[in-house]
Amino acid sequence: MKQTKQIKQWIQLILGVILVVGQFILPTASAQEAKEFEGETIVVGTVSDSALELWEYVAAKALEEEGIVLEIVLFNDYNQPNVALQNGSIEVSAFQGHPFIKSWNEDNDGSVFAIANTLLMPLGLYSDKHASVDDIPENGVIALPNDPSTLGRALLALEIAGLIEVDDEVGIYADEADITDNPKNLDILLVEPNFAALSLPDVDAALVNTNFANDAGLSIDDGIFNDAADAAKVNPLYINTITTLEENKDNPLYLKLVEIYHTDDVKEKLLEVYDGHVFPMFEVPLPEVD
């Protein structure tokens, strides 16, 4: 009986120690479970239905994992998001490459700033009339996006396709005046980027941004050429980015959003949304921009 009583006393003692220790451990565990940005909201602007689908996935992930609420605003052209970012209507945007940021800032005295790379979108050449680049006739009309940064890339794409040559010294900001050789005497028609696909019935071919091509029901496989068939030939400055204002570039909430975006499941969703026709560039560091 004495031994049994001693065992009971030892059990009570051990349970008492566990209870006391638990009182110290439980608050610590609860503190660890607390999410740093729980209840915070970020207004994110993007362009195209495909990008919206991707960001809706990111929003669900951010809410579930970090308690962050994303409000997604869909724009229908490339200028509105930066205007909204600059005036505070949105806090983060995701659609543009580095040349567009630089060009927009210079033209609008802006402070839009890239905080992370996202993906490289091919720039596809589409045609309702011709099955190959070689079929484009002399004096053919080619529609190109008219924004300065994409225009430069479009001209370089035509050069990669063998249709024209561009002054090497001009680089990514080339325009029509920088064409040094145009053997087919092609007529360059500048259109708003979101209207490039709509121009196909009226031109021989059009270079269309991936977002707007997808919105028009076009796959990169429908194109007669795309400049990222050999991604190594595409300047890394054309990688799309997550952006905010320069004054907010170190905002820990926005950097947490980048961390959420730069995950394997988001990469898989990105490839799904764009049918595998984009190139995730999460691991590529931001380039230096002059």
C-alpha atoms as a PDB file:
ATOM      1  CA  MET A   1       0.000   0.000   0.000  1.00  0.00           C
ATOM      2  CA  LYS A   2       2.825   2.359   0.876  1.00  0.00           C
ATOM      3  CA  GLN A   3       4.401   1.798  -2.552  1.00  0.00           C
ATOM      4  CA  THR A   4       1.073   2.460  -4.258  1.00  0.00           C
ATOM      5  CA  LYS A   5       0.667   5.683  -2.313  1.00  0.00           C
ATOM      6  CA  GLN A   6       4.167   6.802  -3.359  1.00  0.00           C
ATOM      7  CA  ILE A   7       3.378   6.088  -7.021  1.00  0.00           C
ATOM      8  CA  LYS A   8       0.212   8.184  -6.801  1.00  0.00           C
ATOM      9  CA  GLN A   9       2.204  11.015  -5.224  1.00  0.00           C
ATOM     10  CA  TRP A  10       4.772  10.863  -8.008  1.00  0.00           C
ATOM     11  CA  ILE A  11       2.035  10.921 -10.650  1.00  0.00           C
ATOM     12  CA  GLN A  12       0.403  13.952  -9.017  1.00  0.00           C
ATOM     13  CA  LEU A  13       3.774  15.688  -8.852  1.00  0.00           C
ATOM     14  CA  ILE A  14       4.498  15.019 -12.538  1.00  0.00           C
ATOM     15  CA  LEU A  15       1.034  16.215 -13.562  1.00  0.00           C
ATOM     16  CA  GLY A  16       1.538  19.350 -11.527  1.00  0.00           C
ATOM     17  CA  VAL A  17       4.843  20.078 -13.251  1.00  0.00           C
ATOM     18  CA  ILE A  18       3.271  19.511 -16.665  1.00  0.00           C
ATOM     19  CA  LEU A  19       0.428  21.890 -15.796  1.00  0.00           C
ATOM     20  CA  VAL A  20       2.815  24.615 -14.609  1.00  0.00           C
ATOM     21  CA  VAL A  21       5.103  24.245 -17.646  1.00  0.00           C
ATOM     22  CA  GLY A  22       2.062  24.216 -19.940  1.00  0.00           C
ATOM     23  CA  GLN A  23       0.972  27.550 -18.564  1.00  0.00           C
ATOM     24  CA  PHE A  24       4.233  29.027 -19.832  1.00  0.00           C
ATOM     25  CA  ILE A  25       4.315  27.123 -23.131  1.00  0.00           C
ATOM     26  CA  LEU A  26       0.748  27.743 -24.308  1.00  0.00           C
ATOM     27  CA  PRO A  27       0.986  31.547 -24.518  1.00  0.00           C
ATOM     28  CA  THR A  28       4.254  31.148 -26.436  1.00  0.00           C
ATOM     29  CA  ALA A  29       2.623  28.739 -28.902  1.00  0.00           C
ATOM     30  CA  SER A  30      -0.324  31.096 -29.332  1.00  0.00           C
ATOM     31  CA  ALA A  31       2.073  33.937 -30.036  1.00  0.00           C
ATOM     32  CA  GLN A  32       3.809  31.823 -32.676  1.00  0.00           C
ATOM     33  CA  GLU A  33       0.470  31.084 -34.316  1.00  0.00           C
ATOM     34  CA  ALA A  34      -0.349  34.788 -34.564  1.00  0.00           C
ATOM     35  CA  LYS A  35       0.081  36.020 -38.130  1.00  0.00           C
ATOM     36  CA  GLU A  36       2.127  39.179 -38.485  1.00  0.00           C
ATOM     37  CA  PHE A  37      -0.086  40.736 -41.162  1.00  0.00           C
ATOM     38  CA  GLU A  38      -3.450  39.304 -40.103  1.00  0.00           C
ATOM     39  CA  GLY A  39      -6.245  41.603 -41.301  1.00  0.00           C
ATOM     40  CA  GLU A  40      -4.019  43.779 -43.517  1.00  0.00           C
ATOM     41  CA  THR A  41      -5.374  44.671 -46.977  1.00  0.00           C
ATOM     42  CA  ILE A  42      -3.470  45.274 -50.222  1.00  0.00           C
ATOM     43  CA  VAL A  43      -5.157  46.660 -53.335  1.00  0.00           C
ATOM     44  CA  VAL A  44      -3.541  45.037 -56.387  1.00  0.00           C
ATOM     45  CA  GLY A  45      -4.029  46.201 -59.958  1.00  0.00           C
ATOM     46  CA  THR A  46      -3.527  43.978 -62.973  1.00  0.00           C
ATOM     47  CA  VAL A  47      -4.423  43.691 -66.650  1.00  0.00           C
ATOM     48  CA  SER A  48      -6.208  40.851 -68.536  1.00  0.00           C
ATOM     49  CA  ASP A  49      -8.574  38.079 -67.512  1.00  0.00           C
ATOM     50  CA  SER A  50      -5.742  35.543 -67.293  1.00  0.00           C
ATOM     51  CA  ALA A  51      -3.814  37.681 -64.841  1.00  0.00           C
ATOM     52  CA  LEU A  52      -7.011  38.205 -62.835  1.00  0.00           C
ATOM     53  CA  GLU A  53      -7.482  34.433 -62.501  1.00  0.00           C
ATOM     54  CA  LEU A  54      -3.917  34.056 -61.285  1.00  0.00           C
ATOM     55  CA  TRP A  55      -4.240  36.860 -58.744  1.00  0.00           C
ATOM     56  CA  GLU A  56      -7.519  35.482 -57.438  1.00  0.00           C
ATOM     57  CA  TYR A  57      -5.568  32.317 -56.622  1.00  0.00           C
ATOM     58  CA  VAL A  58      -2.831  34.369 -54.927  1.00  0.00           C
ATOM     59  CA  ALA A  59      -5.516  36.239 -52.979  1.00  0.00           C
ATOM     60  CA  ALA A  60      -6.992  33.000 -51.637  1.00  0.00           C
ATOM     61  CA  LYS A  61      -3.525  31.790 -50.667  1.00  0.00           C
ATOM     62  CA  ALA A  62      -2.625  35.072 -48.956  1.00  0.00           C
ATOM     63  CA  LEU A  63      -5.819  35.024 -46.923  1.00  0.00           C
ATOM     64  CA  GLU A  64      -5.526  31.388 -45.890  1.00  0.00           C
ATOM     65  CA  GLU A  65      -1.834  31.388 -45.032  1.00  0.00           C
ATOM     66  CA  GLU A  66      -1.212  34.909 -43.750  1.00  0.00           C
ATOM     67  CA  GLY A  67      -4.599  36.495 -43.128  1.00  0.00           C
ATOM     68  CA  ILE A  68      -3.844  39.145 -45.772  1.00  0.00           C
ATOM     69  CA  VAL A  69      -6.798  40.409 -47.810  1.00  0.00           C
ATOM     70  CA  LEU A  70      -6.073  41.194 -51.465  1.00  0.00           C
ATOM     71  CA  GLU A  71      -8.484  43.399 -53.371  1.00  0.00           C
ATOM     72  CA  ILE A  72      -7.897  42.841 -57.089  1.00  0.00           C
ATOM     73  CA  VAL A  73      -8.652  45.638 -59.559  1.00  0.00           C
ATOM     74  CA  LEU A  74      -8.772  44.725 -63.269  1.00  0.00           C
ATOM     75  CA  PHE A  75      -7.748  47.393 -65.793  1.00  0.00           C
ATOM     76  CA  ASN A  76      -8.175  47.228 -69.564  1.00  0.00           C
ATOM     77  CA  ASP A  77      -5.060  49.091 -70.678  1.00  0.00           C
ATOM     78  CA  TYR A  78      -1.458  49.538 -69.607  1.00  0.00           C
ATOM     79  CA  ASN A  79      -1.600  53.168 -68.469  1.00  0.00           C
ATOM     80  CA  GLN A  80      -4.415  53.114 -65.931  1.00  0.00           C
ATOM     81  CA  PRO A  81      -2.699  50.872 -63.348  1.00  0.00           C
ATOM     82  CA  ASN A  82       0.280  53.200 -63.009  1.00  0.00           C
ATOM     83  CA  VAL A  83      -1.982  56.228 -62.760  1.00  0.00           C
ATOM     84  CA  ALA A  84      -3.902  54.457 -60.003  1.00  0.00           C
ATOM     85  CA  LEU A  85      -0.667  53.407 -58.297  1.00  0.00           C
ATOM     86  CA  GLN A  86       0.690  56.924 -58.406  1.00  0.00           C
ATOM     87  CA  ASN A  87      -2.481  58.493 -56.974  1.00  0.00           C
ATOM     88  CA  GLY A  88      -2.897  55.833 -54.293  1.00  0.00           C
ATOM     89  CA  SER A  89      -6.007  54.122 -55.672  1.00  0.00           C
ATOM     90  CA  ILE A  90      -4.050  50.861 -55.697  1.00  0.00           C
ATOM     91  CA  GLU A  91      -0.946  49.894 -53.739  1.00  0.00           C
ATOM     92  CA  VAL A  92       0.684  47.236 -55.915  1.00  0.00           C
ATOM     93  CA  SER A  93       0.458  46.346 -59.596  1.00  0.00           C
ATOM     94  CA  ALA A  94       1.524  43.341 -61.627  1.00  0.00           C
ATOM     95  CA  PHE A  95       1.656  43.514 -65.415  1.00  0.00           C
ATOM     96  CA  GLN A  96       4.641  45.480 -66.706  1.00  0.00           C
ATOM     97  CA  GLY A  97       8.276  45.043 -67.603  1.00  0.00           C
ATOM     98  CA  HIS A  98      11.141  47.319 -66.681  1.00  0.00           C
ATOM     99  CA  PRO A  99      11.216  49.384 -69.898  1.00  0.00           C
ATOM    100  CA  PHE A 100       7.552  50.289 -69.519  1.00  0.00           C
ATOM    101  CA  ILE A 101       8.134  51.364 -65.917  1.00  0.00           C
ATOM    102  CA  LYS A 102      11.022  53.593 -66.924  1.00  0.00           C
ATOM    103  CA  SER A 103       9.177  55.096 -69.865  1.00  0.00           C
ATOM    104  CA  TRP A 104       6.043  55.771 -67.829  1.00  0.00           C
ATOM    105  CA  ASN A 105       7.979  57.358 -64.987  1.00  0.00           C
ATOM    106  CA  GLU A 106       9.815  59.662 -67.385  1.00  0.00           C
ATOM    107  CA  ASP A 107       6.625  60.743 -69.147  1.00  0.00           C
ATOM    108  CA  ASN A 108       4.592  61.221 -65.971  1.00  0.00           C
ATOM    109  CA  ASP A 109       7.160  62.260 -63.375  1.00  0.00           C
ATOM    110  CA  GLY A 110       6.295  59.004 -61.627  1.00  0.00           C
ATOM    111  CA  SER A 111       7.980  56.834 -59.018  1.00  0.00           C
ATOM    112  CA  VAL A 112       6.720  53.361 -59.985  1.00  0.00           C
ATOM    113  CA  PHE A 113       9.276  50.800 -58.814  1.00  0.00           C
ATOM    114  CA  ALA A 114       9.744  47.053 -59.403  1.00  0.00           C
ATOM    115  CA  ILE A 115      10.138  44.942 -56.263  1.00  0.00           C
ATOM    116  CA  ALA A 116      10.092  41.459 -57.833  1.00  0.00           C
ATOM    117  CA  ASN A 117      10.187  39.640 -61.148  1.00  0.00           C
ATOM    118  CA  THR A 118       7.223  37.466 -62.083  1.00  0.00           C
ATOM    119  CA  LEU A 119       7.167  36.008 -65.599  1.00  0.00           C
ATOM    120  CA  LEU A 120       8.315  36.445 -69.154  1.00  0.00           C
ATOM    121  CA  MET A 121       5.515  36.574 -71.700  1.00  0.00           C
ATOM    122  CA  PRO A 122       6.232  35.755 -75.320  1.00  0.00           C
ATOM    123  CA  LEU A 123       5.374  38.408 -77.843  1.00  0.00           C
ATOM    124  CA  GLY A 124       3.573  36.530 -80.592  1.00  0.00           C
ATOM    125  CA  LEU A 125       3.139  37.391 -84.264  1.00  0.00           C
ATOM    126  CA  TYR A 126      -0.339  36.352 -85.431  1.00  0.00           C
ATOM    127  CA  SER A 127      -1.962  36.370 -88.843  1.00  0.00           C
ATOM    128  CA  ASP A 128      -5.383  35.542 -90.249  1.00  0.00           C
ATOM    129  CA  LYS A 129      -3.969  35.565 -93.780  1.00  0.00           C
ATOM    130  CA  HIS A 130      -0.565  33.897 -93.739  1.00  0.00           C
ATOM    131  CA  ALA A 131       0.713  30.572 -92.417  1.00  0.00           C
ATOM    132  CA  SER A 132       4.329  31.622 -91.914  1.00  0.00           C
ATOM    133  CA  VAL A 133       6.582  34.629 -91.624  1.00  0.00           C
ATOM    134  CA  ASP A 134       7.919  33.901 -95.112  1.00  0.00           C
ATOM    135  CA  ASP A 135       4.394  34.265 -96.538  1.00  0.00           C
ATOM    136  CA  ILE A 136       4.096  37.910 -95.476  1.00  0.00           C
ATOM    137  CA  PRO A 137       4.181  39.814 -98.799  1.00  0.00           C
ATOM    138  CA  GLU A 138       6.052  42.899 -99.874  1.00  0.00           C
ATOM    139  CA  ASN A 139       4.320  46.083 -98.723  1.00  0.00           C
ATOM    140  CA  GLY A 140       2.514  44.019 -96.093  1.00  0.00           C
ATOM    141  CA  VAL A 141       1.010  45.772 -93.085  1.00  0.00           C
ATOM    142  CA  ILE A 142       2.165  44.749 -89.611  1.00  0.00           C
ATOM    143  CA  ALA A 143       0.343  46.034 -86.522  1.00  0.00           C
ATOM    144  CA  LEU A 144       2.556  46.709 -83.498  1.00  0.00           C
ATOM    145  CA  PRO A 145       1.696  47.847 -79.944  1.00  0.00           C
ATOM    146  CA  ASN A 146       2.189  51.583 -79.723  1.00  0.00           C
ATOM    147  CA  ASP A 147       3.482  51.976 -76.170  1.00  0.00           C
ATOM    148  CA  PRO A 148       7.191  52.895 -76.334  1.00  0.00           C
ATOM    149  CA  SER A 149       8.595  49.972 -74.354  1.00  0.00           C
ATOM    150  CA  THR A 150       6.597  47.276 -76.133  1.00  0.00           C
ATOM    151  CA  LEU A 151       7.201  48.903 -79.506  1.00  0.00           C
ATOM    152  CA  GLY A 152      10.936  48.500 -79.020  1.00  0.00           C
ATOM    153  CA  ARG A 153      10.495  44.850 -78.173  1.00  0.00           C
ATOM    154  CA  ALA A 154       8.122  44.359 -81.110  1.00  0.00           C
ATOM    155  CA  LEU A 155      10.660  45.767 -83.553  1.00  0.00           C
ATOM    156  CA  LEU A 156      13.378  43.554 -82.107  1.00  0.00           C
ATOM    157  CA  ALA A 157      10.976  40.611 -82.449  1.00  0.00           C
ATOM    158  CA  LEU A 158      10.532  41.382 -86.147  1.00  0.00           C
ATOM    159  CA  GLU A 159      14.308  41.470 -86.394  1.00  0.00           C
ATOM    160  CA  ILE A 160      14.603  38.026 -84.753  1.00  0.00           C
ATOM    161  CA  ALA A 161      11.953  36.824 -87.236  1.00  0.00           C
ATOM    162  CA  GLY A 162      14.149  38.054 -90.099  1.00  0.00           C
ATOM    163  CA  LEU A 163      11.718  40.668 -91.397  1.00  0.00           C
ATOM    164  CA  ILE A 164      13.648  43.846 -90.573  1.00  0.00           C
ATOM    165  CA  GLU A 165      16.890  45.046 -89.031  1.00  0.00           C
ATOM    166  CA  VAL A 166      17.090  47.572 -86.193  1.00  0.00           C
ATOM    167  CA  ASP A 167      19.924  49.899 -85.193  1.00  0.00           C
ATOM    168  CA  ASP A 168      21.918  47.952 -82.590  1.00  0.00           C
ATOM    169  CA  GLU A 169      22.889  51.101 -80.719  1.00  0.00           C
ATOM    170  CA  VAL A 170      19.291  52.048 -79.922  1.00  0.00           C
ATOM    171  CA  GLY A 171      18.533  48.924 -77.917  1.00  0.00           C
ATOM    172  CA  ILE A 172      15.183  48.282 -76.273  1.00  0.00           C
ATOM    173  CA  TYR A 173      13.704  51.710 -76.981  1.00  0.00           C
ATOM    174  CA  ALA A 174      13.770  51.453 -80.765  1.00  0.00           C
ATOM    175  CA  ASP A 175      11.000  53.013 -82.836  1.00  0.00           C
ATOM    176  CA  GLU A 176      10.167  53.003 -86.557  1.00  0.00           C
ATOM    177  CA  ALA A 177      12.911  55.529 -87.287  1.00  0.00           C
ATOM    178  CA  ASP A 178      15.494  53.033 -86.049  1.00  0.00           C
ATOM    179  CA  ILE A 179      14.705  50.420 -88.706  1.00  0.00           C
ATOM    180  CA  THR A 180      17.886  50.156 -90.784  1.00  0.00           C
ATOM    181  CA  ASP A 181      16.711  47.548 -93.280  1.00  0.00           C
ATOM    182  CA  ASN A 182      13.181  46.677 -94.401  1.00  0.00           C
ATOM    183  CA  PRO A 183      13.596  44.397 -97.442  1.00  0.00           C
ATOM    184  CA  LYS A 184       9.851  43.768 -97.857  1.00  0.00           C
ATOM    185  CA  ASN A 185       9.008  47.430 -97.392  1.00  0.00           C
ATOM    186  CA  LEU A 186       6.623  46.517 -94.605  1.00  0.00           C
ATOM    187  CA  ASP A 187       4.189  49.161 -93.424  1.00  0.00           C
ATOM    188  CA  ILE A 188       4.241  49.486 -89.615  1.00  0.00           C
ATOM    189  CA  LEU A 189       0.834  50.306 -88.145  1.00  0.00           C
ATOM    190  CA  LEU A 190       0.860  51.367 -84.489  1.00  0.00           C
ATOM    191  CA  VAL A 191      -2.198  50.423 -82.425  1.00  0.00           C
ATOM    192  CA  GLU A 192      -3.179  50.352 -78.762  1.00  0.00           C
ATOM    193  CA  PRO A 193      -1.855  47.074 -77.283  1.00  0.00           C
ATOM    194  CA  ASN A 194      -5.346  45.869 -76.384  1.00  0.00           C
ATOM    195  CA  PHE A 195      -6.534  46.423 -79.984  1.00  0.00           C
ATOM    196  CA  ALA A 196      -3.689  44.576 -81.706  1.00  0.00           C
ATOM    197  CA  ALA A 197      -5.584  41.268 -81.849  1.00  0.00           C
ATOM    198  CA  LEU A 198      -8.702  43.055 -83.101  1.00  0.00           C
ATOM    199  CA  SER A 199      -6.712  44.455 -86.019  1.00  0.00           C
ATOM    200  CA  LEU A 200      -5.940  41.012 -87.483  1.00  0.00           C
ATOM    201  CA  PRO A 201      -8.698  41.064 -90.166  1.00  0.00           C
ATOM    202  CA  ASP A 202      -7.271  44.310 -91.528  1.00  0.00           C
ATOM    203  CA  VAL A 203      -3.530  43.632 -91.518  1.00  0.00           C
ATOM    204  CA  ASP A 204      -1.137  40.974 -92.711  1.00  0.00           C
ATOM    205  CA  ALA A 205       0.061  40.223 -89.195  1.00  0.00           C
ATOM    206  CA  ALA A 206       0.061  41.700 -85.697  1.00  0.00           C
ATOM    207  CA  LEU A 207       2.337  41.378 -82.712  1.00  0.00           C
ATOM    208  CA  VAL A 208       0.119  40.825 -79.671  1.00  0.00           C
ATOM    209  CA  ASN A 209       1.015  40.771 -75.983  1.00  0.00           C
ATOM    210  CA  THR A 210       0.259  37.395 -74.385  1.00  0.00           C
ATOM    211  CA  ASN A 211      -2.356  38.812 -72.003  1.00  0.00           C
ATOM    212  CA  PHE A 212      -4.391  40.366 -74.794  1.00  0.00           C
ATOM    213  CA  ALA A 213      -3.852  37.377 -77.092  1.00  0.00           C
ATOM    214  CA  ASN A 214      -5.327  35.098 -74.423  1.00  0.00           C
ATOM    215  CA  ASP A 215      -8.261  37.455 -73.930  1.00  0.00           C
ATOM    216  CA  ALA A 216      -8.902  37.255 -77.686  1.00  0.00           C
ATOM    217  CA  GLY A 217      -8.903  33.459 -77.562  1.00  0.00           C
ATOM    218  CA  LEU A 218      -5.462  33.133 -79.127  1.00  0.00           C
ATOM    219  CA  SER A 219      -2.791  30.716 -77.938  1.00  0.00           C
ATOM    220  CA  ILE A 220       0.881  31.273 -78.627  1.00  0.00           C
ATOM    221  CA  ASP A 221       0.611  28.081 -80.682  1.00  0.00           C
ATOM    222  CA  ASP A 222      -1.692  29.988 -83.041  1.00  0.00           C
ATOM    223  CA  GLY A 223       1.069  32.454 -83.862  1.00  0.00           C
ATOM    224  CA  ILE A 224       3.365  32.244 -86.836  1.00  0.00           C
ATOM    225  CA  PHE A 225       6.293  33.373 -84.655  1.00  0.00           C
ATOM    226  CA  ASN A 226       7.093  34.364 -81.079  1.00  0.00           C
ATOM    227  CA  ASP A 227      10.176  36.073 -79.757  1.00  0.00           C
ATOM    228  CA  ALA A 228      10.556  33.781 -76.733  1.00  0.00           C
ATOM    229  CA  ALA A 229      10.833  30.562 -78.720  1.00  0.00           C
ATOM    230  CA  ASP A 230      14.462  31.026 -77.706  1.00  0.00           C
ATOM    231  CA  ALA A 231      14.041  32.833 -74.382  1.00  0.00           C
ATOM    232  CA  ALA A 232      17.788  33.478 -74.219  1.00  0.00           C
ATOM    233  CA  LYS A 233      17.378  35.982 -77.053  1.00  0.00           C
ATOM    234  CA  VAL A 234      14.910  38.097 -75.054  1.00  0.00           C
ATOM    235  CA  ASN A 235      16.335  40.913 -72.957  1.00  0.00           C
ATOM    236  CA  PRO A 236      15.705  40.169 -69.222  1.00  0.00           C
ATOM    237  CA  LEU A 237      14.436  43.723 -68.843  1.00  0.00           C
ATOM    238  CA  TYR A 238      11.239  42.479 -70.506  1.00  0.00           C
ATOM    239  CA  ILE A 239      10.406  40.232 -67.557  1.00  0.00           C
ATOM    240  CA  ASN A 240       7.142  41.345 -65.959  1.00  0.00           C
ATOM    241  CA  THR A 241       7.216  42.582 -62.389  1.00  0.00           C
ATOM    242  CA  ILE A 242       5.361  43.247 -59.178  1.00  0.00           C
ATOM    243  CA  THR A 243       5.557  46.991 -58.629  1.00  0.00           C
ATOM    244  CA  THR A 244       4.734  49.629 -56.065  1.00  0.00           C
ATOM    245  CA  LEU A 245       5.914  53.190 -55.479  1.00  0.00           C
ATOM    246  CA  GLU A 246       9.618  53.640 -54.789  1.00  0.00           C
ATOM    247  CA  GLU A 247       8.879  55.039 -51.336  1.00  0.00           C
ATOM    248  CA  ASN A 248       7.211  51.713 -50.483  1.00  0.00           C
ATOM    249  CA  LYS A 249       9.820  49.387 -51.982  1.00  0.00           C
ATOM    250  CA  ASP A 250      10.850  48.075 -48.536  1.00  0.00           C
ATOM    251  CA  ASN A 251       7.323  47.811 -47.123  1.00  0.00           C
ATOM    252  CA  PRO A 252       7.336  44.459 -45.249  1.00  0.00           C
ATOM    253  CA  LEU A 253       3.687  43.798 -46.130  1.00  0.00           C
ATOM    254  CA  TYR A 254       4.395  44.086 -49.848  1.00  0.00           C
ATOM    255  CA  LEU A 255       7.545  41.977 -49.514  1.00  0.00           C
ATOM    256  CA  LYS A 256       5.442  39.319 -47.773  1.00  0.00           C
ATOM    257  CA  LEU A 257       3.148  39.386 -50.821  1.00  0.00           C
ATOM    258  CA  VAL A 258       6.181  38.754 -53.022  1.00  0.00           C
ATOM    259  CA  GLU A 259       7.110  35.822 -50.785  1.00  0.00           C
ATOM    260  CA  ILE A 260       3.602  34.395 -51.154  1.00  0.00           C
ATOM    261  CA  TYR A 261       3.742  34.845 -54.946  1.00  0.00           C
ATOM    262  CA  HIS A 262       7.193  33.287 -55.303  1.00  0.00           C
ATOM    263  CA  THR A 263       6.077  29.772 -54.348  1.00  0.00           C
ATOM    264  CA  ASP A 264       5.860  26.555 -56.301  1.00  0.00           C
ATOM    265  CA  ASP A 265       2.062  26.297 -56.233  1.00  0.00           C
ATOM    266  CA  VAL A 266       1.704  29.823 -57.640  1.00  0.00           C
ATOM    267  CA  LYS A 267       4.177  28.855 -60.362  1.00  0.00           C
ATOM    268  CA  GLU A 268       2.030  25.837 -61.212  1.00  0.00           C
ATOM    269  CA  LYS A 269      -1.112  27.980 -61.279  1.00  0.00           C
ATOM    270  CA  LEU A 270       0.636  30.513 -63.489  1.00  0.00           C
ATOM    271  CA  LEU A 271       1.539  27.833 -66.023  1.00  0.00           C
ATOM    272  CA  GLU A 272      -2.017  26.490 -65.876  1.00  0.00           C
ATOM    273  CA  VAL A 273      -3.632  29.892 -66.417  1.00  0.00           C
ATOM    274  CA  TYR A 274      -1.392  30.678 -69.373  1.00  0.00           C
ATOM    275  CA  ASP A 275      -1.476  27.126 -70.801  1.00  0.00           C
ATOM    276  CA  GLY A 276       2.251  26.725 -70.256  1.00  0.00           C
ATOM    277  CA  HIS A 277       3.078  29.514 -72.683  1.00  0.00           C
ATOM    278  CA  VAL A 278       4.839  31.835 -70.254  1.00  0.00           C
ATOM    279  CA  PHE A 279       8.126  31.493 -68.424  1.00  0.00           C
ATOM    280  CA  PRO A 280       8.121  31.906 -64.615  1.00  0.00           C
ATOM    281  CA  MET A 281      11.085  34.058 -63.601  1.00  0.00           C
ATOM    282  CA  PHE A 282      10.831  33.912 -59.814  1.00  0.00           C
ATOM    283  CA  GLU A 283      14.505  33.040 -59.322  1.00  0.00           C
ATOM    284  CA  VAL A 284      15.834  35.719 -61.685  1.00  0.00           C
ATOM    285  CA  PRO A 285      17.106  38.747 -59.740  1.00  0.00           C
ATOM    286  CA  LEU A 286      15.858  42.191 -60.638  1.00  0.00           C
ATOM    287  CA  PRO A 287      18.131  43.767 -63.254  1.00  0.00           C
ATOM    288  CA  GLU A 288      19.785  47.113 -62.822  1.00  0.00           C
ATOM    289  CA  VAL A 289      17.869  49.738 -64.763  1.00  0.00           C
ATOM    290  CA  ASP A 290      19.617  52.910 -65.918  1.00  0.00           C
END
